[in-house]
Amino acid sequence: VAVNPSKKPLFTEDERIELIKDATSDIQNVSVLSTKKLIVDLAKEEHAIALIRGLRHVSDFELEFQMAMMNSHLNPELSTILLMPDEKHIHLNSNLVKEIARLHGDIAAYVPLAVHKHLKAKFN
């Protein structure tokens, strides 16, 4: 969980960590960490060899490419892997899901169960 002071997330840092841990609990070798520093520095400390990032649209590519190139300059041993979502999820983003939840719409198909419960609680 990267802490970005320019963003105002709905959930606290600790809440986000717990939600991610819950959502990935069935996947081996997943660690959930938090940092206020550059991700390349955390990756080096953790001996990570790759960052996995998601692309939804062509518009995401330019920013992700720029970040990957900068990260490569800052830590040449770190690779970036870009993954595309299944086409049934390509239209989703966190703001859209939060807005549906805020208006008490059904988001069960879009988020893990723990996230669904926490979003409902935030907006009730």
N, C-alpha and C. Protein backbone atom coordinates (compact mmCIF):
# COMPACT_ATOMS: atom_id res chain seq x y z
N VAL A 1 0.86 -1.15 0.00
CA VAL A 1 0.00 0.00 0.00
C VAL A 1 0.91 1.22 0.00
N ALA A 2 0.87 1.96 -1.07
CA ALA A 2 1.67 3.17 -1.15
C ALA A 2 0.86 4.34 -0.61
N VAL A 3 1.46 5.07 0.30
CA VAL A 3 0.79 6.22 0.90
C VAL A 3 1.13 7.45 0.07
N ASN A 4 0.10 8.05 -0.53
CA ASN A 4 0.28 9.22 -1.38
C ASN A 4 -0.47 10.38 -0.75
N PRO A 5 0.26 11.37 -0.19
CA PRO A 5 -0.40 12.47 0.50
C PRO A 5 -1.29 13.33 -0.40
N SER A 6 -1.12 13.23 -1.71
CA SER A 6 -1.96 14.02 -2.61
C SER A 6 -3.31 13.36 -2.89
N LYS A 7 -3.49 12.13 -2.42
CA LYS A 7 -4.77 11.43 -2.61
C LYS A 7 -5.49 11.31 -1.28
N LYS A 8 -6.81 11.24 -1.36
CA LYS A 8 -7.63 11.06 -0.16
C LYS A 8 -8.43 9.77 -0.30
N PRO A 9 -7.81 8.65 0.08
CA PRO A 9 -8.51 7.36 -0.06
C PRO A 9 -9.68 7.25 0.91
N LEU A 10 -10.64 6.43 0.53
CA LEU A 10 -11.82 6.21 1.36
C LEU A 10 -11.46 5.45 2.64
N PHE A 11 -10.54 4.50 2.52
CA PHE A 11 -10.13 3.69 3.66
C PHE A 11 -8.77 4.14 4.17
N THR A 12 -8.55 3.96 5.47
CA THR A 12 -7.25 4.30 6.06
C THR A 12 -6.19 3.33 5.53
N GLU A 13 -4.96 3.66 5.79
CA GLU A 13 -3.85 2.79 5.40
C GLU A 13 -4.02 1.41 6.03
N ASP A 14 -4.32 1.37 7.31
CA ASP A 14 -4.50 0.08 8.00
C ASP A 14 -5.68 -0.70 7.45
N GLU A 15 -6.78 -0.02 7.15
CA GLU A 15 -7.94 -0.69 6.57
C GLU A 15 -7.60 -1.28 5.20
N ARG A 16 -6.88 -0.52 4.39
CA ARG A 16 -6.50 -1.03 3.06
C ARG A 16 -5.61 -2.25 3.18
N ILE A 17 -4.67 -2.22 4.12
CA ILE A 17 -3.79 -3.37 4.33
C ILE A 17 -4.62 -4.60 4.69
N GLU A 18 -5.53 -4.46 5.63
CA GLU A 18 -6.36 -5.60 6.06
C GLU A 18 -7.25 -6.11 4.92
N LEU A 19 -7.82 -5.20 4.14
CA LEU A 19 -8.68 -5.62 3.02
C LEU A 19 -7.88 -6.39 1.97
N ILE A 20 -6.68 -5.92 1.69
CA ILE A 20 -5.84 -6.61 0.70
C ILE A 20 -5.39 -7.97 1.24
N LYS A 21 -5.03 -8.02 2.51
CA LYS A 21 -4.65 -9.31 3.11
C LYS A 21 -5.80 -10.30 3.01
N ASP A 22 -7.01 -9.83 3.31
CA ASP A 22 -8.17 -10.71 3.23
C ASP A 22 -8.40 -11.18 1.79
N ALA A 23 -8.29 -10.27 0.84
CA ALA A 23 -8.56 -10.60 -0.56
C ALA A 23 -7.52 -11.54 -1.16
N THR A 24 -6.31 -11.55 -0.59
CA THR A 24 -5.23 -12.38 -1.14
C THR A 24 -4.85 -13.54 -0.22
N SER A 25 -5.66 -13.80 0.79
CA SER A 25 -5.31 -14.82 1.79
C SER A 25 -5.16 -16.22 1.22
N ASP A 26 -5.78 -16.50 0.09
CA ASP A 26 -5.68 -17.83 -0.51
C ASP A 26 -4.55 -17.95 -1.53
N ILE A 27 -3.73 -16.91 -1.65
CA ILE A 27 -2.62 -16.92 -2.60
C ILE A 27 -1.32 -17.04 -1.81
N GLN A 28 -0.53 -18.05 -2.15
CA GLN A 28 0.74 -18.26 -1.45
C GLN A 28 1.74 -17.17 -1.82
N ASN A 29 2.65 -16.89 -0.90
CA ASN A 29 3.78 -15.98 -1.11
C ASN A 29 3.37 -14.54 -1.39
N VAL A 30 2.22 -14.11 -0.88
CA VAL A 30 1.81 -12.71 -1.02
C VAL A 30 2.03 -12.02 0.31
N SER A 31 2.76 -10.92 0.26
CA SER A 31 2.96 -10.07 1.44
C SER A 31 2.32 -8.73 1.16
N VAL A 32 1.70 -8.16 2.17
CA VAL A 32 1.09 -6.84 2.03
C VAL A 32 1.89 -5.87 2.88
N LEU A 33 2.48 -4.89 2.23
CA LEU A 33 3.34 -3.92 2.90
C LEU A 33 2.81 -2.52 2.67
N SER A 34 3.27 -1.61 3.49
CA SER A 34 2.91 -0.21 3.34
C SER A 34 4.20 0.60 3.27
N THR A 35 4.18 1.67 2.47
CA THR A 35 5.37 2.51 2.37
C THR A 35 4.98 3.96 2.10
N LYS A 36 5.83 4.83 2.58
CA LYS A 36 5.70 6.25 2.29
C LYS A 36 6.87 6.70 1.40
N LYS A 37 7.69 5.75 1.00
CA LYS A 37 8.87 6.07 0.19
C LYS A 37 8.67 5.60 -1.25
N LEU A 38 9.66 5.80 -2.07
CA LEU A 38 9.60 5.34 -3.46
C LEU A 38 9.44 3.83 -3.51
N ILE A 39 8.59 3.38 -4.39
CA ILE A 39 8.33 1.94 -4.51
C ILE A 39 9.60 1.18 -4.93
N VAL A 40 10.47 1.83 -5.70
CA VAL A 40 11.72 1.17 -6.10
C VAL A 40 12.62 0.93 -4.89
N ASP A 41 12.57 1.83 -3.91
CA ASP A 41 13.37 1.63 -2.70
C ASP A 41 12.81 0.49 -1.85
N LEU A 42 11.49 0.44 -1.73
CA LEU A 42 10.87 -0.67 -1.01
C LEU A 42 11.18 -2.00 -1.72
N ALA A 43 11.08 -2.00 -3.04
CA ALA A 43 11.37 -3.22 -3.81
C ALA A 43 12.80 -3.70 -3.55
N LYS A 44 13.73 -2.77 -3.51
CA LYS A 44 15.13 -3.14 -3.25
C LYS A 44 15.28 -3.73 -1.84
N GLU A 45 14.66 -3.09 -0.85
CA GLU A 45 14.72 -3.59 0.53
C GLU A 45 14.13 -4.99 0.65
N GLU A 46 13.09 -5.26 -0.11
CA GLU A 46 12.39 -6.54 -0.04
C GLU A 46 12.95 -7.57 -1.02
N HIS A 47 13.98 -7.20 -1.77
CA HIS A 47 14.60 -8.07 -2.77
C HIS A 47 13.60 -8.48 -3.85
N ALA A 48 12.69 -7.58 -4.17
CA ALA A 48 11.71 -7.85 -5.24
C ALA A 48 12.39 -7.65 -6.59
N ILE A 49 11.97 -8.43 -7.56
CA ILE A 49 12.56 -8.31 -8.90
C ILE A 49 11.58 -7.72 -9.91
N ALA A 50 10.31 -7.57 -9.51
CA ALA A 50 9.32 -7.06 -10.46
C ALA A 50 8.17 -6.36 -9.74
N LEU A 51 7.62 -5.38 -10.43
CA LEU A 51 6.37 -4.73 -10.02
C LEU A 51 5.29 -5.21 -10.97
N ILE A 52 4.14 -5.54 -10.45
CA ILE A 52 3.01 -5.95 -11.30
C ILE A 52 2.00 -4.83 -11.27
N ARG A 53 1.68 -4.31 -12.44
CA ARG A 53 0.76 -3.18 -12.57
C ARG A 53 -0.36 -3.58 -13.53
N GLY A 54 -1.50 -2.92 -13.39
CA GLY A 54 -2.64 -3.22 -14.24
C GLY A 54 -2.91 -2.13 -15.26
N LEU A 55 -3.32 -2.53 -16.44
CA LEU A 55 -3.72 -1.61 -17.51
C LEU A 55 -5.18 -1.87 -17.85
N ARG A 56 -6.00 -0.84 -17.82
CA ARG A 56 -7.39 -1.00 -18.23
C ARG A 56 -7.61 -0.47 -19.65
N HIS A 57 -7.03 0.70 -19.90
CA HIS A 57 -7.28 1.37 -21.17
C HIS A 57 -5.95 1.81 -21.79
N VAL A 58 -6.02 2.20 -23.03
CA VAL A 58 -4.85 2.74 -23.70
C VAL A 58 -4.34 3.96 -22.95
N SER A 59 -5.26 4.75 -22.39
CA SER A 59 -4.86 5.95 -21.65
C SER A 59 -4.02 5.61 -20.42
N ASP A 60 -4.19 4.44 -19.84
CA ASP A 60 -3.36 4.02 -18.71
C ASP A 60 -1.92 3.72 -19.15
N PHE A 61 -1.77 3.30 -20.40
CA PHE A 61 -0.46 2.84 -20.86
C PHE A 61 0.59 3.94 -20.78
N GLU A 62 0.25 5.14 -21.20
CA GLU A 62 1.25 6.22 -21.22
C GLU A 62 1.82 6.48 -19.82
N LEU A 63 0.96 6.59 -18.83
CA LEU A 63 1.42 6.82 -17.46
C LEU A 63 2.20 5.61 -16.93
N GLU A 64 1.69 4.42 -17.16
CA GLU A 64 2.37 3.21 -16.67
C GLU A 64 3.73 3.04 -17.34
N PHE A 65 3.81 3.34 -18.64
CA PHE A 65 5.08 3.25 -19.36
C PHE A 65 6.08 4.25 -18.80
N GLN A 66 5.62 5.48 -18.57
CA GLN A 66 6.47 6.52 -18.01
C GLN A 66 6.99 6.11 -16.63
N MET A 67 6.11 5.59 -15.79
CA MET A 67 6.53 5.15 -14.45
C MET A 67 7.51 3.98 -14.55
N ALA A 68 7.24 3.04 -15.45
CA ALA A 68 8.13 1.89 -15.61
C ALA A 68 9.53 2.32 -16.05
N MET A 69 9.59 3.29 -16.96
CA MET A 69 10.89 3.77 -17.42
C MET A 69 11.64 4.49 -16.29
N MET A 70 10.93 5.31 -15.53
CA MET A 70 11.57 6.01 -14.41
C MET A 70 12.03 5.01 -13.35
N ASN A 71 11.18 4.04 -13.04
CA ASN A 71 11.57 3.02 -12.06
C ASN A 71 12.79 2.25 -12.53
N SER A 72 12.86 1.98 -13.81
CA SER A 72 14.01 1.28 -14.38
C SER A 72 15.29 2.10 -14.25
N HIS A 73 15.17 3.41 -14.41
CA HIS A 73 16.34 4.28 -14.23
C HIS A 73 16.77 4.32 -12.77
N LEU A 74 15.79 4.34 -11.86
CA LEU A 74 16.10 4.41 -10.43
C LEU A 74 16.59 3.08 -9.88
N ASN A 75 16.12 1.97 -10.46
CA ASN A 75 16.53 0.64 -10.03
C ASN A 75 16.55 -0.27 -11.25
N PRO A 76 17.69 -0.34 -11.95
CA PRO A 76 17.78 -1.12 -13.19
C PRO A 76 17.50 -2.61 -13.02
N GLU A 77 17.56 -3.13 -11.80
CA GLU A 77 17.31 -4.55 -11.56
C GLU A 77 15.83 -4.87 -11.40
N LEU A 78 14.98 -3.85 -11.39
CA LEU A 78 13.55 -4.03 -11.17
C LEU A 78 12.79 -3.96 -12.49
N SER A 79 12.02 -4.99 -12.77
CA SER A 79 11.19 -5.03 -13.98
C SER A 79 9.76 -4.64 -13.65
N THR A 80 9.04 -4.19 -14.65
CA THR A 80 7.61 -3.90 -14.50
C THR A 80 6.84 -4.83 -15.42
N ILE A 81 5.85 -5.50 -14.87
CA ILE A 81 4.99 -6.39 -15.63
C ILE A 81 3.61 -5.75 -15.68
N LEU A 82 3.10 -5.54 -16.89
CA LEU A 82 1.79 -4.92 -17.08
C LEU A 82 0.78 -5.99 -17.44
N LEU A 83 -0.31 -6.04 -16.69
CA LEU A 83 -1.37 -7.03 -16.92
C LEU A 83 -2.65 -6.32 -17.35
N MET A 84 -3.36 -6.94 -18.26
CA MET A 84 -4.66 -6.42 -18.69
C MET A 84 -5.76 -7.22 -18.02
N PRO A 85 -6.86 -6.57 -17.67
CA PRO A 85 -7.96 -7.29 -17.02
C PRO A 85 -8.78 -8.09 -18.03
N ASP A 86 -9.56 -9.00 -17.50
CA ASP A 86 -10.56 -9.67 -18.32
C ASP A 86 -11.49 -8.60 -18.87
N GLU A 87 -11.97 -8.78 -20.07
CA GLU A 87 -12.80 -7.73 -20.70
C GLU A 87 -14.07 -7.43 -19.90
N LYS A 88 -14.53 -8.35 -19.06
CA LYS A 88 -15.73 -8.07 -18.27
C LYS A 88 -15.45 -7.07 -17.15
N HIS A 89 -14.16 -6.79 -16.86
CA HIS A 89 -13.80 -5.84 -15.81
C HIS A 89 -13.13 -4.58 -16.36
N ILE A 90 -12.96 -4.48 -17.65
CA ILE A 90 -12.17 -3.40 -18.22
C ILE A 90 -12.77 -2.01 -17.96
N HIS A 91 -14.07 -1.96 -17.76
CA HIS A 91 -14.75 -0.67 -17.56
C HIS A 91 -14.70 -0.19 -16.11
N LEU A 92 -14.19 -0.99 -15.21
CA LEU A 92 -14.22 -0.66 -13.78
C LEU A 92 -13.06 0.22 -13.35
N ASN A 93 -13.34 1.07 -12.38
CA ASN A 93 -12.30 1.79 -11.65
C ASN A 93 -12.83 2.05 -10.25
N SER A 94 -11.96 2.41 -9.35
CA SER A 94 -12.36 2.55 -7.95
C SER A 94 -13.40 3.64 -7.75
N ASN A 95 -13.29 4.74 -8.48
CA ASN A 95 -14.28 5.81 -8.32
C ASN A 95 -15.67 5.36 -8.73
N LEU A 96 -15.76 4.61 -9.80
CA LEU A 96 -17.05 4.11 -10.28
C LEU A 96 -17.67 3.15 -9.25
N VAL A 97 -16.87 2.24 -8.74
CA VAL A 97 -17.36 1.28 -7.75
C VAL A 97 -17.80 2.00 -6.47
N LYS A 98 -17.00 2.98 -6.02
CA LYS A 98 -17.37 3.73 -4.82
C LYS A 98 -18.67 4.51 -5.03
N GLU A 99 -18.86 5.07 -6.20
CA GLU A 99 -20.09 5.82 -6.48
C GLU A 99 -21.31 4.90 -6.48
N ILE A 100 -21.18 3.72 -7.06
CA ILE A 100 -22.28 2.75 -7.03
C ILE A 100 -22.59 2.36 -5.59
N ALA A 101 -21.54 2.11 -4.80
CA ALA A 101 -21.74 1.75 -3.39
C ALA A 101 -22.37 2.90 -2.61
N ARG A 102 -21.92 4.12 -2.87
CA ARG A 102 -22.47 5.29 -2.17
C ARG A 102 -23.96 5.44 -2.43
N LEU A 103 -24.39 5.08 -3.63
CA LEU A 103 -25.80 5.18 -4.01
C LEU A 103 -26.54 3.87 -3.73
N HIS A 104 -25.91 2.98 -2.95
CA HIS A 104 -26.49 1.72 -2.49
C HIS A 104 -26.80 0.75 -3.63
N GLY A 105 -25.98 0.82 -4.70
CA GLY A 105 -26.10 -0.15 -5.78
C GLY A 105 -25.35 -1.42 -5.44
N ASP A 106 -25.53 -2.44 -6.25
CA ASP A 106 -24.93 -3.75 -6.01
C ASP A 106 -23.53 -3.80 -6.62
N ILE A 107 -22.52 -3.93 -5.78
CA ILE A 107 -21.13 -4.01 -6.24
C ILE A 107 -20.52 -5.39 -5.99
N ALA A 108 -21.34 -6.34 -5.58
CA ALA A 108 -20.84 -7.67 -5.19
C ALA A 108 -20.02 -8.35 -6.30
N ALA A 109 -20.37 -8.11 -7.54
CA ALA A 109 -19.66 -8.77 -8.65
C ALA A 109 -18.31 -8.11 -8.96
N TYR A 110 -18.04 -6.97 -8.34
CA TYR A 110 -16.86 -6.19 -8.72
C TYR A 110 -15.74 -6.17 -7.69
N VAL A 111 -16.03 -6.56 -6.45
CA VAL A 111 -15.03 -6.47 -5.39
C VAL A 111 -15.08 -7.72 -4.52
N PRO A 112 -13.96 -8.03 -3.84
CA PRO A 112 -13.98 -9.16 -2.91
C PRO A 112 -15.00 -8.92 -1.79
N LEU A 113 -15.43 -9.99 -1.15
CA LEU A 113 -16.47 -9.93 -0.13
C LEU A 113 -16.14 -8.94 1.00
N ALA A 114 -14.91 -8.98 1.50
CA ALA A 114 -14.53 -8.07 2.59
C ALA A 114 -14.63 -6.61 2.16
N VAL A 115 -14.22 -6.32 0.95
CA VAL A 115 -14.31 -4.94 0.44
C VAL A 115 -15.78 -4.55 0.30
N HIS A 116 -16.59 -5.47 -0.20
CA HIS A 116 -18.02 -5.22 -0.33
C HIS A 116 -18.63 -4.84 1.02
N LYS A 117 -18.32 -5.62 2.05
CA LYS A 117 -18.86 -5.35 3.39
C LYS A 117 -18.39 -3.99 3.92
N HIS A 118 -17.12 -3.68 3.73
CA HIS A 118 -16.58 -2.42 4.24
C HIS A 118 -17.14 -1.22 3.48
N LEU A 119 -17.33 -1.36 2.18
CA LEU A 119 -17.92 -0.26 1.41
C LEU A 119 -19.36 -0.01 1.84
N LYS A 120 -20.11 -1.09 2.01
CA LYS A 120 -21.50 -0.94 2.47
C LYS A 120 -21.54 -0.24 3.83
N ALA A 121 -20.65 -0.63 4.73
CA ALA A 121 -20.61 -0.03 6.06
C ALA A 121 -20.24 1.46 5.99
N LYS A 122 -19.31 1.81 5.11
CA LYS A 122 -18.90 3.21 4.97
C LYS A 122 -20.05 4.10 4.51
N PHE A 123 -20.89 3.55 3.65
CA PHE A 123 -21.94 4.37 3.03
C PHE A 123 -23.31 4.19 3.67
N ASN A 124 -23.41 3.45 4.76
CA ASN A 124 -24.70 3.30 5.47
C ASN A 124 -24.74 4.19 6.69
